[in-house]
Amino acid sequence: MKTSRKYPVRNICGSWKSNLHSPPVEIYHDSKHYCLALIYHPDMVVTNRIRQTDKGLFVDLFGEIQIGYDEERDILYLSTEGEYIRTEEW
C-alpha cells in the first residue's frame, strides 16, 4: 500500500471501519485540534489529539500509533491495527 506522510488532516476526518475486526475509528476536529477516537464499545472510547511531525501523523493511545493514508484508494492505515475503510462521507 502506498501511504503518504504529507496530506491535510481534514482529508481523513470521518468514520472508519476495519476489515480485520479492529475497533472502529472516528477522526474529527474539536474546534482546536484534530482527534482520533478508537471505539472499543459505546461506553469505552479512547481519544487523543493527532500530532503532525516531519515524520508523519501520530496519536498516543496507550503507545504511539502512526497514521497513514492512501488518497487514491481512500484507505486509512494505523500502525497497530492495519487498514481501515471509510464508512460514510464526512
PDB file of N, CA and C in Angstrom:
ATOM      1  N   MET A   1       0.846  -1.174   0.000  1.00  0.00           N
ATOM      2  CA  MET A   1       0.000   0.000   0.000  1.00  0.00           C
ATOM      3  C   MET A   1       0.891   1.237   0.000  1.00  0.00           C
ATOM      4  N   LYS A   2       0.510   2.204  -0.801  1.00  0.00           N
ATOM      5  CA  LYS A   2       1.262   3.452  -0.888  1.00  0.00           C
ATOM      6  C   LYS A   2       0.581   4.488  -0.002  1.00  0.00           C
ATOM      7  N   THR A   3       1.153   4.751   1.163  1.00  0.00           N
ATOM      8  CA  THR A   3       0.598   5.766   2.045  1.00  0.00           C
ATOM      9  C   THR A   3       1.458   7.008   1.975  1.00  0.00           C
ATOM     10  N   SER A   4       0.830   8.124   2.231  1.00  0.00           N
ATOM     11  CA  SER A   4       1.515   9.402   2.179  1.00  0.00           C
ATOM     12  C   SER A   4       1.698   9.933   3.591  1.00  0.00           C
ATOM     13  N   ARG A   5       2.796  10.625   3.817  1.00  0.00           N
ATOM     14  CA  ARG A   5       3.025  11.285   5.099  1.00  0.00           C
ATOM     15  C   ARG A   5       2.581  12.738   5.057  1.00  0.00           C
ATOM     16  N   LYS A   6       2.384  13.269   3.874  1.00  0.00           N
ATOM     17  CA  LYS A   6       2.032  14.680   3.720  1.00  0.00           C
ATOM     18  C   LYS A   6       0.655  14.808   3.079  1.00  0.00           C
ATOM     19  N   TYR A   7      -0.334  15.116   3.884  1.00  0.00           N
ATOM     20  CA  TYR A   7      -1.693  15.333   3.398  1.00  0.00           C
ATOM     21  C   TYR A   7      -2.418  16.154   4.452  1.00  0.00           C
ATOM     22  N   PRO A   8      -3.415  16.923   4.054  1.00  0.00           N
ATOM     23  CA  PRO A   8      -4.181  17.684   5.041  1.00  0.00           C
ATOM     24  C   PRO A   8      -4.948  16.729   5.961  1.00  0.00           C
ATOM     25  N   VAL A   9      -4.863  16.950   7.257  1.00  0.00           N
ATOM     26  CA  VAL A   9      -5.543  16.076   8.217  1.00  0.00           C
ATOM     27  C   VAL A   9      -7.047  16.082   7.969  1.00  0.00           C
ATOM     28  N   ARG A  10      -7.584  17.187   7.498  1.00  0.00           N
ATOM     29  CA  ARG A  10      -9.033  17.247   7.246  1.00  0.00           C
ATOM     30  C   ARG A  10      -9.474  16.192   6.225  1.00  0.00           C
ATOM     31  N   ASN A  11      -8.551  15.721   5.375  1.00  0.00           N
ATOM     32  CA  ASN A  11      -8.893  14.694   4.384  1.00  0.00           C
ATOM     33  C   ASN A  11      -9.234  13.350   5.014  1.00  0.00           C
ATOM     34  N   ILE A  12      -8.793  13.114   6.251  1.00  0.00           N
ATOM     35  CA  ILE A  12      -9.064  11.822   6.879  1.00  0.00           C
ATOM     36  C   ILE A  12     -10.156  11.899   7.943  1.00  0.00           C
ATOM     37  N   CYS A  13     -10.789  13.064   8.087  1.00  0.00           N
ATOM     38  CA  CYS A  13     -11.887  13.172   9.047  1.00  0.00           C
ATOM     39  C   CYS A  13     -13.045  12.284   8.605  1.00  0.00           C
ATOM     40  N   GLY A  14     -13.677  11.645   9.571  1.00  0.00           N
ATOM     41  CA  GLY A  14     -14.827  10.801   9.279  1.00  0.00           C
ATOM     42  C   GLY A  14     -14.816   9.528  10.095  1.00  0.00           C
ATOM     43  N   SER A  15     -15.679   8.612   9.707  1.00  0.00           N
ATOM     44  CA  SER A  15     -15.824   7.318  10.376  1.00  0.00           C
ATOM     45  C   SER A  15     -15.126   6.251   9.551  1.00  0.00           C
ATOM     46  N   TRP A  16     -14.403   5.383  10.229  1.00  0.00           N
ATOM     47  CA  TRP A  16     -13.615   4.345   9.570  1.00  0.00           C
ATOM     48  C   TRP A  16     -13.861   3.002  10.237  1.00  0.00           C
ATOM     49  N   LYS A  17     -13.869   1.930   9.424  1.00  0.00           N
ATOM     50  CA  LYS A  17     -14.009   0.585   9.991  1.00  0.00           C
ATOM     51  C   LYS A  17     -12.916  -0.314   9.435  1.00  0.00           C
ATOM     52  N   SER A  18     -12.581  -1.326  10.231  1.00  0.00           N
ATOM     53  CA  SER A  18     -11.526  -2.269   9.882  1.00  0.00           C
ATOM     54  C   SER A  18     -12.125  -3.552   9.334  1.00  0.00           C
ATOM     55  N   ASN A  19     -11.469  -4.128   8.338  1.00  0.00           N
ATOM     56  CA  ASN A  19     -11.863  -5.449   7.849  1.00  0.00           C
ATOM     57  C   ASN A  19     -11.269  -6.555   8.708  1.00  0.00           C
ATOM     58  N   LEU A  20     -10.382  -6.199   9.622  1.00  0.00           N
ATOM     59  CA  LEU A  20      -9.705  -7.179  10.477  1.00  0.00           C
ATOM     60  C   LEU A  20     -10.316  -7.236  11.873  1.00  0.00           C
ATOM     61  N   HIS A  21     -11.497  -6.661  12.039  1.00  0.00           N
ATOM     62  CA  HIS A  21     -12.223  -6.666  13.314  1.00  0.00           C
ATOM     63  C   HIS A  21     -11.545  -5.845  14.405  1.00  0.00           C
ATOM     64  N   SER A  22     -10.728  -4.887  14.030  1.00  0.00           N
ATOM     65  CA  SER A  22     -10.198  -3.929  14.995  1.00  0.00           C
ATOM     66  C   SER A  22     -11.303  -2.934  15.315  1.00  0.00           C
ATOM     67  N   PRO A  23     -11.188  -2.215  16.419  1.00  0.00           N
ATOM     68  CA  PRO A  23     -12.237  -1.263  16.794  1.00  0.00           C
ATOM     69  C   PRO A  23     -12.418  -0.169  15.742  1.00  0.00           C
ATOM     70  N   PRO A  24     -13.660   0.296  15.544  1.00  0.00           N
ATOM     71  CA  PRO A  24     -13.905   1.417  14.630  1.00  0.00           C
ATOM     72  C   PRO A  24     -13.174   2.673  15.100  1.00  0.00           C
ATOM     73  N   VAL A  25     -12.966   3.591  14.172  1.00  0.00           N
ATOM     74  CA  VAL A  25     -12.231   4.827  14.434  1.00  0.00           C
ATOM     75  C   VAL A  25     -13.052   6.012  13.943  1.00  0.00           C
ATOM     76  N   GLU A  26     -13.032   7.094  14.713  1.00  0.00           N
ATOM     77  CA  GLU A  26     -13.593   8.388  14.300  1.00  0.00           C
ATOM     78  C   GLU A  26     -12.453   9.402  14.331  1.00  0.00           C
ATOM     79  N   ILE A  27     -12.342  10.181  13.272  1.00  0.00           N
ATOM     80  CA  ILE A  27     -11.374  11.277  13.239  1.00  0.00           C
ATOM     81  C   ILE A  27     -12.167  12.556  13.031  1.00  0.00           C
ATOM     82  N   TYR A  28     -11.921  13.545  13.892  1.00  0.00           N
ATOM     83  CA  TYR A  28     -12.734  14.762  13.880  1.00  0.00           C
ATOM     84  C   TYR A  28     -11.916  15.954  14.372  1.00  0.00           C
ATOM     85  N   HIS A  29     -12.474  17.137  14.181  1.00  0.00           N
ATOM     86  CA  HIS A  29     -11.867  18.376  14.662  1.00  0.00           C
ATOM     87  C   HIS A  29     -12.716  18.890  15.815  1.00  0.00           C
ATOM     88  N   ASP A  30     -12.104  19.147  16.961  1.00  0.00           N
ATOM     89  CA  ASP A  30     -12.853  19.571  18.155  1.00  0.00           C
ATOM     90  C   ASP A  30     -12.822  21.084  18.380  1.00  0.00           C
ATOM     91  N   SER A  31     -12.617  21.845  17.360  1.00  0.00           N
ATOM     92  CA  SER A  31     -12.508  23.310  17.330  1.00  0.00           C
ATOM     93  C   SER A  31     -11.101  23.809  17.673  1.00  0.00           C
ATOM     94  N   LYS A  32     -10.252  22.951  18.224  1.00  0.00           N
ATOM     95  CA  LYS A  32      -8.861  23.324  18.474  1.00  0.00           C
ATOM     96  C   LYS A  32      -7.879  22.364  17.812  1.00  0.00           C
ATOM     97  N   HIS A  33      -8.191  21.076  17.869  1.00  0.00           N
ATOM     98  CA  HIS A  33      -7.260  20.046  17.402  1.00  0.00           C
ATOM     99  C   HIS A  33      -8.004  18.983  16.606  1.00  0.00           C
ATOM    100  N   TYR A  34      -7.245  18.274  15.780  1.00  0.00           N
ATOM    101  CA  TYR A  34      -7.779  17.059  15.167  1.00  0.00           C
ATOM    102  C   TYR A  34      -7.558  15.928  16.162  1.00  0.00           C
ATOM    103  N   CYS A  35      -8.565  15.081  16.306  1.00  0.00           N
ATOM    104  CA  CYS A  35      -8.522  13.997  17.286  1.00  0.00           C
ATOM    105  C   CYS A  35      -8.887  12.673  16.634  1.00  0.00           C
ATOM    106  N   LEU A  36      -8.397  11.594  17.239  1.00  0.00           N
ATOM    107  CA  LEU A  36      -8.744  10.247  16.820  1.00  0.00           C
ATOM    108  C   LEU A  36      -9.362   9.536  18.011  1.00  0.00           C
ATOM    109  N   ALA A  37     -10.507   8.906  17.784  1.00  0.00           N
ATOM    110  CA  ALA A  37     -11.186   8.122  18.817  1.00  0.00           C
ATOM    111  C   ALA A  37     -11.235   6.672  18.372  1.00  0.00           C
ATOM    112  N   LEU A  38     -10.737   5.786  19.212  1.00  0.00           N
ATOM    113  CA  LEU A  38     -10.810   4.344  18.990  1.00  0.00           C
ATOM    114  C   LEU A  38     -11.984   3.844  19.824  1.00  0.00           C
ATOM    115  N   ILE A  39     -12.985   3.262  19.173  1.00  0.00           N
ATOM    116  CA  ILE A  39     -14.253   2.939  19.831  1.00  0.00           C
ATOM    117  C   ILE A  39     -14.312   1.434  20.114  1.00  0.00           C
ATOM    118  N   TYR A  40     -13.911   1.067  21.327  1.00  0.00           N
ATOM    119  CA  TYR A  40     -13.948  -0.343  21.712  1.00  0.00           C
ATOM    120  C   TYR A  40     -15.376  -0.797  21.982  1.00  0.00           C
ATOM    121  N   HIS A  41     -16.151   0.094  22.557  1.00  0.00           N
ATOM    122  CA  HIS A  41     -17.537  -0.168  22.951  1.00  0.00           C
ATOM    123  C   HIS A  41     -18.146   1.219  23.146  1.00  0.00           C
ATOM    124  N   PRO A  42     -19.466   1.378  22.992  1.00  0.00           N
ATOM    125  CA  PRO A  42     -20.037   2.721  23.181  1.00  0.00           C
ATOM    126  C   PRO A  42     -19.672   3.364  24.521  1.00  0.00           C
ATOM    127  N   ASP A  43     -19.425   2.546  25.540  1.00  0.00           N
ATOM    128  CA  ASP A  43     -19.044   3.075  26.852  1.00  0.00           C
ATOM    129  C   ASP A  43     -17.535   3.141  27.056  1.00  0.00           C
ATOM    130  N   MET A  44     -16.768   2.667  26.082  1.00  0.00           N
ATOM    131  CA  MET A  44     -15.309   2.682  26.204  1.00  0.00           C
ATOM    132  C   MET A  44     -14.678   3.208  24.917  1.00  0.00           C
ATOM    133  N   VAL A  45     -14.461   4.514  24.905  1.00  0.00           N
ATOM    134  CA  VAL A  45     -13.868   5.196  23.758  1.00  0.00           C
ATOM    135  C   VAL A  45     -12.568   5.846  24.222  1.00  0.00           C
ATOM    136  N   VAL A  46     -11.488   5.571  23.512  1.00  0.00           N
ATOM    137  CA  VAL A  46     -10.186   6.149  23.839  1.00  0.00           C
ATOM    138  C   VAL A  46      -9.891   7.217  22.793  1.00  0.00           C
ATOM    139  N   THR A  47      -9.660   8.447  23.262  1.00  0.00           N
ATOM    140  CA  THR A  47      -9.486   9.590  22.363  1.00  0.00           C
ATOM    141  C   THR A  47      -8.225  10.366  22.731  1.00  0.00           C
ATOM    142  N   ASN A  48      -7.546  10.859  21.707  1.00  0.00           N
ATOM    143  CA  ASN A  48      -6.433  11.767  21.925  1.00  0.00           C
ATOM    144  C   ASN A  48      -6.239  12.587  20.657  1.00  0.00           C
ATOM    145  N   ARG A  49      -5.513  13.676  20.798  1.00  0.00           N
ATOM    146  CA  ARG A  49      -5.310  14.535  19.632  1.00  0.00           C
ATOM    147  C   ARG A  49      -4.223  13.964  18.734  1.00  0.00           C
ATOM    148  N   ILE A  50      -4.327  14.280  17.460  1.00  0.00           N
ATOM    149  CA  ILE A  50      -3.374  13.838  16.448  1.00  0.00           C
ATOM    150  C   ILE A  50      -2.222  14.840  16.396  1.00  0.00           C
ATOM    151  N   ARG A  51      -1.001  14.333  16.382  1.00  0.00           N
ATOM    152  CA  ARG A  51       0.195  15.176  16.270  1.00  0.00           C
ATOM    153  C   ARG A  51       0.794  15.011  14.883  1.00  0.00           C
ATOM    154  N   GLN A  52       1.207  16.124  14.290  1.00  0.00           N
ATOM    155  CA  GLN A  52       1.870  16.071  12.989  1.00  0.00           C
ATOM    156  C   GLN A  52       3.323  16.477  13.172  1.00  0.00           C
ATOM    157  N   THR A  53       4.229  15.602  12.698  1.00  0.00           N
ATOM    158  CA  THR A  53       5.659  15.881  12.754  1.00  0.00           C
ATOM    159  C   THR A  53       6.216  15.768  11.339  1.00  0.00           C
ATOM    160  N   ASP A  54       7.511  15.992  11.204  1.00  0.00           N
ATOM    161  CA  ASP A  54       8.124  15.831   9.883  1.00  0.00           C
ATOM    162  C   ASP A  54       8.147  14.364   9.450  1.00  0.00           C
ATOM    163  N   LYS A  55       7.885  13.442  10.371  1.00  0.00           N
ATOM    164  CA  LYS A  55       7.839  12.009  10.046  1.00  0.00           C
ATOM    165  C   LYS A  55       6.422  11.515   9.774  1.00  0.00           C
ATOM    166  N   GLY A  56       5.428  12.381   9.903  1.00  0.00           N
ATOM    167  CA  GLY A  56       4.052  11.987   9.620  1.00  0.00           C
ATOM    168  C   GLY A  56       3.104  12.295  10.760  1.00  0.00           C
ATOM    169  N   LEU A  57       1.951  11.626  10.737  1.00  0.00           N
ATOM    170  CA  LEU A  57       0.920  11.817  11.758  1.00  0.00           C
ATOM    171  C   LEU A  57       1.000  10.710  12.799  1.00  0.00           C
ATOM    172  N   PHE A  58       0.764  11.100  14.055  1.00  0.00           N
ATOM    173  CA  PHE A  58       0.798  10.151  15.161  1.00  0.00           C
ATOM    174  C   PHE A  58      -0.312  10.478  16.146  1.00  0.00           C
ATOM    175  N   VAL A  59      -0.743   9.459  16.888  1.00  0.00           N
ATOM    176  CA  VAL A  59      -1.655   9.645  18.006  1.00  0.00           C
ATOM    177  C   VAL A  59      -1.154   8.746  19.128  1.00  0.00           C
ATOM    178  N   ASP A  60      -1.260   9.206  20.362  1.00  0.00           N
ATOM    179  CA  ASP A  60      -0.822   8.410  21.504  1.00  0.00           C
ATOM    180  C   ASP A  60      -2.048   7.812  22.184  1.00  0.00           C
ATOM    181  N   LEU A  61      -2.286   6.528  21.934  1.00  0.00           N
ATOM    182  CA  LEU A  61      -3.377   5.785  22.568  1.00  0.00           C
ATOM    183  C   LEU A  61      -2.754   4.538  23.182  1.00  0.00           C
ATOM    184  N   PHE A  62      -2.317   4.618  24.409  1.00  0.00           N
ATOM    185  CA  PHE A  62      -1.616   3.511  25.075  1.00  0.00           C
ATOM    186  C   PHE A  62      -0.345   3.147  24.313  1.00  0.00           C
ATOM    187  N   GLY A  63       0.314   4.131  23.768  1.00  0.00           N
ATOM    188  CA  GLY A  63       1.510   3.956  22.948  1.00  0.00           C
ATOM    189  C   GLY A  63       1.330   4.721  21.650  1.00  0.00           C
ATOM    190  N   GLU A  64       2.431   5.062  21.024  1.00  0.00           N
ATOM    191  CA  GLU A  64       2.386   5.871  19.809  1.00  0.00           C
ATOM    192  C   GLU A  64       1.929   5.046  18.609  1.00  0.00           C
ATOM    193  N   ILE A  65       0.938   5.554  17.902  1.00  0.00           N
ATOM    194  CA  ILE A  65       0.391   4.906  16.713  1.00  0.00           C
ATOM    195  C   ILE A  65       0.608   5.840  15.532  1.00  0.00           C
ATOM    196  N   GLN A  66       1.260   5.334  14.481  1.00  0.00           N
ATOM    197  CA  GLN A  66       1.451   6.138  13.274  1.00  0.00           C
ATOM    198  C   GLN A  66       0.214   6.008  12.394  1.00  0.00           C
ATOM    199  N   ILE A  67      -0.165   7.110  11.760  1.00  0.00           N
ATOM    200  CA  ILE A  67      -1.333   7.160  10.888  1.00  0.00           C
ATOM    201  C   ILE A  67      -0.860   7.389   9.463  1.00  0.00           C
ATOM    202  N   GLY A  68      -1.292   6.537   8.554  1.00  0.00           N
ATOM    203  CA  GLY A  68      -1.000   6.698   7.133  1.00  0.00           C
ATOM    204  C   GLY A  68      -2.299   6.803   6.358  1.00  0.00           C
ATOM    205  N   TYR A  69      -2.220   7.310   5.140  1.00  0.00           N
ATOM    206  CA  TYR A  69      -3.422   7.480   4.328  1.00  0.00           C
ATOM    207  C   TYR A  69      -3.078   7.283   2.861  1.00  0.00           C
ATOM    208  N   ASP A  70      -3.848   6.441   2.195  1.00  0.00           N
ATOM    209  CA  ASP A  70      -3.728   6.218   0.756  1.00  0.00           C
ATOM    210  C   ASP A  70      -4.850   7.009   0.092  1.00  0.00           C
ATOM    211  N   GLU A  71      -4.501   8.168  -0.474  1.00  0.00           N
ATOM    212  CA  GLU A  71      -5.517   9.045  -1.063  1.00  0.00           C
ATOM    213  C   GLU A  71      -6.212   8.421  -2.261  1.00  0.00           C
ATOM    214  N   GLU A  72      -5.491   7.677  -3.082  1.00  0.00           N
ATOM    215  CA  GLU A  72      -6.093   7.067  -4.274  1.00  0.00           C
ATOM    216  C   GLU A  72      -7.190   6.074  -3.913  1.00  0.00           C
ATOM    217  N   ARG A  73      -6.947   5.263  -2.894  1.00  0.00           N
ATOM    218  CA  ARG A  73      -7.906   4.225  -2.503  1.00  0.00           C
ATOM    219  C   ARG A  73      -8.796   4.652  -1.342  1.00  0.00           C
ATOM    220  N   ASP A  74      -8.536   5.812  -0.749  1.00  0.00           N
ATOM    221  CA  ASP A  74      -9.248   6.304   0.431  1.00  0.00           C
ATOM    222  C   ASP A  74      -9.195   5.265   1.555  1.00  0.00           C
ATOM    223  N   ILE A  75      -7.970   4.840   1.869  1.00  0.00           N
ATOM    224  CA  ILE A  75      -7.716   3.848   2.911  1.00  0.00           C
ATOM    225  C   ILE A  75      -6.876   4.497   4.008  1.00  0.00           C
ATOM    226  N   LEU A  76      -7.326   4.350   5.251  1.00  0.00           N
ATOM    227  CA  LEU A  76      -6.583   4.815   6.417  1.00  0.00           C
ATOM    228  C   LEU A  76      -5.766   3.641   6.943  1.00  0.00           C
ATOM    229  N   TYR A  77      -4.577   3.911   7.447  1.00  0.00           N
ATOM    230  CA  TYR A  77      -3.731   2.862   7.994  1.00  0.00           C
ATOM    231  C   TYR A  77      -3.255   3.276   9.381  1.00  0.00           C
ATOM    232  N   LEU A  78      -3.499   2.420  10.373  1.00  0.00           N
ATOM    233  CA  LEU A  78      -2.966   2.621  11.718  1.00  0.00           C
ATOM    234  C   LEU A  78      -1.898   1.564  11.950  1.00  0.00           C
ATOM    235  N   SER A  79      -0.735   1.986  12.424  1.00  0.00           N
ATOM    236  CA  SER A  79       0.395   1.065  12.536  1.00  0.00           C
ATOM    237  C   SER A  79       0.108  -0.129  13.440  1.00  0.00           C
ATOM    238  N   THR A  80      -0.792   0.001  14.397  1.00  0.00           N
ATOM    239  CA  THR A  80      -1.094  -1.113  15.303  1.00  0.00           C
ATOM    240  C   THR A  80      -2.317  -1.923  14.892  1.00  0.00           C
ATOM    241  N   GLU A  81      -3.158  -1.375  14.016  1.00  0.00           N
ATOM    242  CA  GLU A  81      -4.444  -2.014  13.707  1.00  0.00           C
ATOM    243  C   GLU A  81      -4.611  -2.412  12.248  1.00  0.00           C
ATOM    244  N   GLY A  82      -3.810  -1.857  11.351  1.00  0.00           N
ATOM    245  CA  GLY A  82      -3.923  -2.190   9.939  1.00  0.00           C
ATOM    246  C   GLY A  82      -4.794  -1.215   9.164  1.00  0.00           C
ATOM    247  N   GLU A  83      -5.402  -1.712   8.074  1.00  0.00           N
ATOM    248  CA  GLU A  83      -6.172  -0.864   7.156  1.00  0.00           C
ATOM    249  C   GLU A  83      -7.604  -0.633   7.633  1.00  0.00           C
ATOM    250  N   TYR A  84      -8.088   0.568   7.318  1.00  0.00           N
ATOM    251  CA  TYR A  84      -9.469   0.955   7.605  1.00  0.00           C
ATOM    252  C   TYR A  84     -10.086   1.527   6.336  1.00  0.00           C
ATOM    253  N   ILE A  85     -11.379   1.269   6.155  1.00  0.00           N
ATOM    254  CA  ILE A  85     -12.115   1.868   5.042  1.00  0.00           C
ATOM    255  C   ILE A  85     -13.126   2.860   5.603  1.00  0.00           C
ATOM    256  N   ARG A  86     -13.396   3.892   4.824  1.00  0.00           N
ATOM    257  CA  ARG A  86     -14.329   4.933   5.263  1.00  0.00           C
ATOM    258  C   ARG A  86     -15.750   4.369   5.256  1.00  0.00           C
ATOM    259  N   THR A  87     -16.519   4.671   6.307  1.00  0.00           N
ATOM    260  CA  THR A  87     -17.882   4.143   6.390  1.00  0.00           C
ATOM    261  C   THR A  87     -18.925   5.122   5.899  1.00  0.00           C
ATOM    262  N   GLU A  88     -18.596   6.400   5.865  1.00  0.00           N
ATOM    263  CA  GLU A  88     -19.542   7.404   5.381  1.00  0.00           C
ATOM    264  C   GLU A  88     -18.785   8.651   4.972  1.00  0.00           C
ATOM    265  N   GLU A  89     -19.397   9.436   4.135  1.00  0.00           N
ATOM    266  CA  GLU A  89     -18.779  10.711   3.762  1.00  0.00           C
ATOM    267  C   GLU A  89     -18.861  11.664   4.939  1.00  0.00           C
ATOM    268  N   TRP A  90     -17.840  12.442   5.128  1.00  0.00           N
ATOM    269  CA  TRP A  90     -17.788  13.379   6.250  1.00  0.00           C
ATOM    270  C   TRP A  90     -18.444  14.659   5.871  1.00  0.00           C
TER     271      TRP A  90
END
